[in-house]
């Protein structure tokens, strides 16, 4: 047979704290006094509270309690955003500028011709832009046109009124 069976056990496994029975009476009396005093909670309902509760609630609901409006867009924030954007643009212009400057030699001749045709420039407008030195440069250029091609051009691109008026 086993030695650990229930028949052979001498100890129950339960322990009582030290001096438990000496202080038991004091603890029991203090617990009873606490229960007696806890019956009175200290809270009182005012007179006619439940009679006037409905009218109080309806008055509170009827009041127009408008919530505080916080604007998302303020001028101060717009000024900050504008200052940041301006500083970024300035930074890119200062640090990342191109070294190549735009000259007439860099522009294709076809794009210049298209611009002049689309903008409806007159010969007088072009003449006002040229100086005497520019005109002297044109005199030094030798143009070899055939007479037949000039006549064809004049007849195709001009009207009789234009030829007579000149």
C-alpha atoms as a PDB file:
ATOM      1  CA  UNK A   1       0.000   0.000   0.000  1.00  0.00           C
ATOM      2  CA  UNK A   2       0.973   3.520  -0.575  1.00  0.00           C
ATOM      3  CA  UNK A   3       2.188   5.621   2.258  1.00  0.00           C
ATOM      4  CA  UNK A   4       0.610   8.809   0.869  1.00  0.00           C
ATOM      5  CA  UNK A   5      -2.984   7.667   0.968  1.00  0.00           C
ATOM      6  CA  UNK A   6      -5.680   9.634   2.768  1.00  0.00           C
ATOM      7  CA  UNK A   7      -5.751   7.202   5.672  1.00  0.00           C
ATOM      8  CA  UNK A   8      -2.124   7.858   6.514  1.00  0.00           C
ATOM      9  CA  UNK A   9      -2.178  11.719   6.409  1.00  0.00           C
ATOM     10  CA  UNK A  10      -1.648  13.502   9.687  1.00  0.00           C
ATOM     11  CA  UNK A  11      -1.693  17.153   8.460  1.00  0.00           C
ATOM     12  CA  UNK A  12      -4.666  18.816   6.762  1.00  0.00           C
ATOM     13  CA  UNK A  13      -2.705  21.491   4.863  1.00  0.00           C
ATOM     14  CA  UNK A  14      -4.662  24.396   6.400  1.00  0.00           C
ATOM     15  CA  UNK A  15      -2.909  26.986   8.554  1.00  0.00           C
ATOM     16  CA  UNK A  16      -4.285  29.741  10.752  1.00  0.00           C
ATOM     17  CA  UNK A  17      -2.371  33.038  10.837  1.00  0.00           C
ATOM     18  CA  UNK A  18      -0.498  33.842  13.998  1.00  0.00           C
ATOM     19  CA  UNK A  19      -2.590  35.584  16.715  1.00  0.00           C
ATOM     20  CA  UNK A  20      -5.744  35.137  14.593  1.00  0.00           C
ATOM     21  CA  UNK A  21      -8.017  34.064  17.411  1.00  0.00           C
ATOM     22  CA  UNK A  22      -6.674  36.684  19.835  1.00  0.00           C
ATOM     23  CA  UNK A  23      -7.622  39.579  17.474  1.00  0.00           C
ATOM     24  CA  UNK A  24     -10.732  37.911  16.038  1.00  0.00           C
ATOM     25  CA  UNK A  25     -13.207  39.611  18.349  1.00  0.00           C
ATOM     26  CA  UNK A  26     -11.846  43.119  17.600  1.00  0.00           C
ATOM     27  CA  UNK A  27     -11.903  42.515  13.883  1.00  0.00           C
ATOM     28  CA  UNK A  28     -15.479  41.215  13.994  1.00  0.00           C
ATOM     29  CA  UNK A  29     -16.735  44.228  15.948  1.00  0.00           C
ATOM     30  CA  UNK A  30     -15.006  46.722  13.655  1.00  0.00           C
ATOM     31  CA  UNK A  31     -16.516  44.981  10.634  1.00  0.00           C
ATOM     32  CA  UNK A  32     -20.006  45.215  12.128  1.00  0.00           C
ATOM     33  CA  UNK A  33     -19.582  48.916  12.898  1.00  0.00           C
ATOM     34  CA  UNK A  34     -18.424  49.502   9.323  1.00  0.00           C
ATOM     35  CA  UNK A  35     -21.531  47.805   7.929  1.00  0.00           C
ATOM     36  CA  UNK A  36     -23.797  49.907  10.159  1.00  0.00           C
ATOM     37  CA  UNK A  37     -22.194  53.164   9.060  1.00  0.00           C
ATOM     38  CA  UNK A  38     -22.078  52.189   5.390  1.00  0.00           C
ATOM     39  CA  UNK A  39     -25.870  52.020   5.248  1.00  0.00           C
ATOM     40  CA  UNK A  40     -25.893  55.813   5.325  1.00  0.00           C
ATOM     41  CA  UNK A  41     -24.090  56.806   2.089  1.00  0.00           C
ATOM     42  CA  UNK A  42     -24.101  60.545   2.695  1.00  0.00           C
ATOM     43  CA  UNK A  43     -25.868  61.345  -0.579  1.00  0.00           C
ATOM     44  CA  UNK A  44     -29.280  62.981  -0.585  1.00  0.00           C
ATOM     45  CA  UNK A  45     -31.618  63.753  -3.463  1.00  0.00           C
ATOM     46  CA  UNK A  46     -32.914  67.337  -3.402  1.00  0.00           C
ATOM     47  CA  UNK A  47     -36.606  67.907  -2.859  1.00  0.00           C
ATOM     48  CA  UNK A  48     -38.765  67.657  -5.997  1.00  0.00           C
ATOM     49  CA  UNK A  49     -35.720  66.640  -8.009  1.00  0.00           C
ATOM     50  CA  UNK A  50     -37.498  64.065 -10.131  1.00  0.00           C
ATOM     51  CA  UNK A  51     -40.499  66.363 -10.663  1.00  0.00           C
ATOM     52  CA  UNK A  52     -38.381  69.141 -12.146  1.00  0.00           C
ATOM     53  CA  UNK A  53     -35.890  66.865 -13.960  1.00  0.00           C
ATOM     54  CA  UNK A  54     -37.867  66.768 -17.236  1.00  0.00           C
ATOM     55  CA  UNK A  55     -38.138  70.546 -17.493  1.00  0.00           C
ATOM     56  CA  UNK A  56     -34.444  70.939 -16.640  1.00  0.00           C
ATOM     57  CA  UNK A  57     -33.404  68.522 -19.399  1.00  0.00           C
ATOM     58  CA  UNK A  58     -35.630  70.176 -22.028  1.00  0.00           C
ATOM     59  CA  UNK A  59     -34.241  73.632 -21.147  1.00  0.00           C
ATOM     60  CA  UNK A  60     -30.687  72.338 -21.455  1.00  0.00           C
ATOM     61  CA  UNK A  61     -31.422  70.817 -24.860  1.00  0.00           C
ATOM     62  CA  UNK A  62     -33.185  73.935 -26.171  1.00  0.00           C
ATOM     63  CA  UNK A  63     -30.172  76.157 -25.545  1.00  0.00           C
ATOM     64  CA  UNK A  64     -28.125  76.800 -28.653  1.00  0.00           C
ATOM     65  CA  UNK A  65     -24.741  75.637 -27.589  1.00  0.00           C
ATOM     66  CA  UNK A  66     -22.773  76.315 -30.712  1.00  0.00           C
ATOM     67  CA  UNK A  67     -19.452  74.510 -30.777  1.00  0.00           C
ATOM     68  CA  UNK A  68     -16.228  76.409 -31.095  1.00  0.00           C
ATOM     69  CA  UNK A  69     -15.146  76.583 -34.728  1.00  0.00           C
ATOM     70  CA  UNK A  70     -11.480  76.072 -35.437  1.00  0.00           C
ATOM     71  CA  UNK A  71     -10.497  77.235 -38.900  1.00  0.00           C
ATOM     72  CA  UNK A  72      -8.280  74.937 -40.909  1.00  0.00           C
ATOM     73  CA  UNK A  73      -7.044  77.709 -43.188  1.00  0.00           C
ATOM     74  CA  UNK A  74      -5.615  80.766 -41.479  1.00  0.00           C
ATOM     75  CA  UNK A  75      -3.592  83.592 -42.914  1.00  0.00           C
ATOM     76  CA  UNK A  76      -0.716  82.738 -40.629  1.00  0.00           C
ATOM     77  CA  UNK A  77      -0.493  79.210 -42.040  1.00  0.00           C
ATOM     78  CA  UNK A  78      -0.803  80.566 -45.586  1.00  0.00           C
ATOM     79  CA  UNK A  79       2.038  83.001 -44.929  1.00  0.00           C
ATOM     80  CA  UNK A  80       4.230  80.187 -43.618  1.00  0.00           C
ATOM     81  CA  UNK A  81       3.465  78.003 -46.641  1.00  0.00           C
ATOM     82  CA  UNK A  82       4.149  80.897 -49.042  1.00  0.00           C
ATOM     83  CA  UNK A  83       7.452  81.686 -47.343  1.00  0.00           C
ATOM     84  CA  UNK A  84       8.549  78.048 -47.550  1.00  0.00           C
ATOM     85  CA  UNK A  85       7.580  77.804 -51.223  1.00  0.00           C
ATOM     86  CA  UNK A  86       9.382  81.051 -52.058  1.00  0.00           C
ATOM     87  CA  UNK A  87      12.534  79.924 -50.272  1.00  0.00           C
ATOM     88  CA  UNK A  88      12.485  76.587 -52.127  1.00  0.00           C
ATOM     89  CA  UNK A  89      12.070  78.320 -55.492  1.00  0.00           C
ATOM     90  CA  UNK A  90      14.883  80.715 -54.660  1.00  0.00           C
ATOM     91  CA  UNK A  91      17.100  77.825 -53.597  1.00  0.00           C
ATOM     92  CA  UNK A  92      16.482  75.928 -56.839  1.00  0.00           C
ATOM     93  CA  UNK A  93      17.099  79.053 -58.909  1.00  0.00           C
ATOM     94  CA  UNK A  94      20.362  79.830 -57.141  1.00  0.00           C
ATOM     95  CA  UNK A  95      21.867  76.362 -56.908  1.00  0.00           C
ATOM     96  CA  UNK A  96      20.488  74.630 -59.969  1.00  0.00           C
ATOM     97  CA  UNK A  97      20.692  77.250 -62.687  1.00  0.00           C
ATOM     98  CA  UNK A  98      21.830  76.237 -66.124  1.00  0.00           C
ATOM     99  CA  UNK A  99      25.170  77.534 -67.316  1.00  0.00           C
ATOM    100  CA  UNK A 100      24.053  77.604 -70.952  1.00  0.00           C
ATOM    101  CA  UNK A 101      22.512  80.895 -71.941  1.00  0.00           C
ATOM    102  CA  UNK A 102      19.930  81.024 -74.693  1.00  0.00           C
ATOM    103  CA  UNK A 103      21.114  82.724 -77.878  1.00  0.00           C
ATOM    104  CA  UNK A 104      19.798  82.933 -81.402  1.00  0.00           C
ATOM    105  CA  UNK A 105      22.424  80.415 -82.465  1.00  0.00           C
ATOM    106  CA  UNK A 106      20.914  77.807 -80.102  1.00  0.00           C
ATOM    107  CA  UNK A 107      17.374  78.240 -81.452  1.00  0.00           C
ATOM    108  CA  UNK A 108      16.429  76.412 -84.602  1.00  0.00           C
ATOM    109  CA  UNK A 109      15.647  78.540 -87.621  1.00  0.00           C
ATOM    110  CA  UNK A 110      12.350  76.733 -88.204  1.00  0.00           C
ATOM    111  CA  UNK A 111      11.055  77.622 -84.736  1.00  0.00           C
ATOM    112  CA  UNK A 112      11.939  81.300 -85.302  1.00  0.00           C
ATOM    113  CA  UNK A 113      10.137  81.287 -88.653  1.00  0.00           C
ATOM    114  CA  UNK A 114       7.070  79.630 -87.122  1.00  0.00           C
ATOM    115  CA  UNK A 115       7.019  82.176 -84.341  1.00  0.00           C
ATOM    116  CA  UNK A 116       7.186  85.086 -86.777  1.00  0.00           C
ATOM    117  CA  UNK A 117       4.440  83.594 -88.948  1.00  0.00           C
ATOM    118  CA  UNK A 118       2.139  82.826 -86.031  1.00  0.00           C
ATOM    119  CA  UNK A 119       2.591  86.179 -84.335  1.00  0.00           C
ATOM    120  CA  UNK A 120       1.590  88.046 -87.503  1.00  0.00           C
ATOM    121  CA  UNK A 121       4.605  90.337 -87.747  1.00  0.00           C
ATOM    122  CA  UNK A 122       4.556  92.939 -90.497  1.00  0.00           C
ATOM    123  CA  UNK A 123       7.590  94.027 -92.471  1.00  0.00           C
ATOM    124  CA  UNK A 124       7.464  97.397 -90.752  1.00  0.00           C
ATOM    125  CA  UNK A 125       7.735  95.681 -87.386  1.00  0.00           C
ATOM    126  CA  UNK A 126      10.792  93.791 -88.538  1.00  0.00           C
ATOM    127  CA  UNK A 127      12.351  96.928 -90.019  1.00  0.00           C
ATOM    128  CA  UNK A 128      11.963  98.761 -86.717  1.00  0.00           C
ATOM    129  CA  UNK A 129      13.940  96.016 -84.969  1.00  0.00           C
ATOM    130  CA  UNK A 130      16.916  96.177 -87.338  1.00  0.00           C
ATOM    131  CA  UNK A 131      19.666  98.757 -87.005  1.00  0.00           C
ATOM    132  CA  UNK A 132      21.824 100.207 -89.755  1.00  0.00           C
ATOM    133  CA  UNK A 133      24.642  97.821 -88.909  1.00  0.00           C
ATOM    134  CA  UNK A 134      22.293  94.859 -89.329  1.00  0.00           C
ATOM    135  CA  UNK A 135      21.183  96.172 -92.698  1.00  0.00           C
ATOM    136  CA  UNK A 136      24.818  96.573 -93.765  1.00  0.00           C
ATOM    137  CA  UNK A 137      25.351  92.919 -92.922  1.00  0.00           C
ATOM    138  CA  UNK A 138      22.490  91.992 -95.255  1.00  0.00           C
ATOM    139  CA  UNK A 139      24.068  93.985 -98.071  1.00  0.00           C
ATOM    140  CA  UNK A 140      27.198  91.894 -97.864  1.00  0.00           C
ATOM    141  CA  UNK A 141      25.226  88.687 -98.402  1.00  0.00           C
ATOM    142  CA  UNK A 142      25.058  87.656-102.008  1.00  0.00           C
ATOM    143  CA  UNK A 143      21.682  86.335-103.000  1.00  0.00           C
ATOM    144  CA  UNK A 144      21.402  84.341-106.160  1.00  0.00           C
ATOM    145  CA  UNK A 145      17.792  84.116-107.198  1.00  0.00           C
ATOM    146  CA  UNK A 146      16.570  83.201-110.580  1.00  0.00           C
ATOM    147  CA  UNK A 147      14.246  85.677-112.188  1.00  0.00           C
ATOM    148  CA  UNK A 148      11.587  83.060-112.940  1.00  0.00           C
ATOM    149  CA  UNK A 149      11.400  81.858-109.350  1.00  0.00           C
ATOM    150  CA  UNK A 150      10.973  85.465-108.126  1.00  0.00           C
ATOM    151  CA  UNK A 151       8.138  86.103-110.564  1.00  0.00           C
ATOM    152  CA  UNK A 152       6.425  82.875-109.569  1.00  0.00           C
ATOM    153  CA  UNK A 153       6.702  83.789-105.910  1.00  0.00           C
ATOM    154  CA  UNK A 154       5.261  87.269-106.419  1.00  0.00           C
ATOM    155  CA  UNK A 155       2.342  86.018-108.472  1.00  0.00           C
ATOM    156  CA  UNK A 156       1.494  83.203-106.076  1.00  0.00           C
ATOM    157  CA  UNK A 157       1.839  85.083-102.782  1.00  0.00           C
ATOM    158  CA  UNK A 158       0.566  88.566-103.528  1.00  0.00           C
ATOM    159  CA  UNK A 159      -2.630  90.096-104.701  1.00  0.00           C
ATOM    160  CA  UNK A 160      -3.055  92.654-107.465  1.00  0.00           C
ATOM    161  CA  UNK A 161      -4.054  95.401-104.995  1.00  0.00           C
ATOM    162  CA  UNK A 162      -0.801  94.951-103.091  1.00  0.00           C
ATOM    163  CA  UNK A 163       1.266  95.181-106.295  1.00  0.00           C
ATOM    164  CA  UNK A 164      -0.566  98.287-107.538  1.00  0.00           C
ATOM    165  CA  UNK A 165      -0.378 100.116-104.200  1.00  0.00           C
ATOM    166  CA  UNK A 166       3.401  99.663-104.017  1.00  0.00           C
END
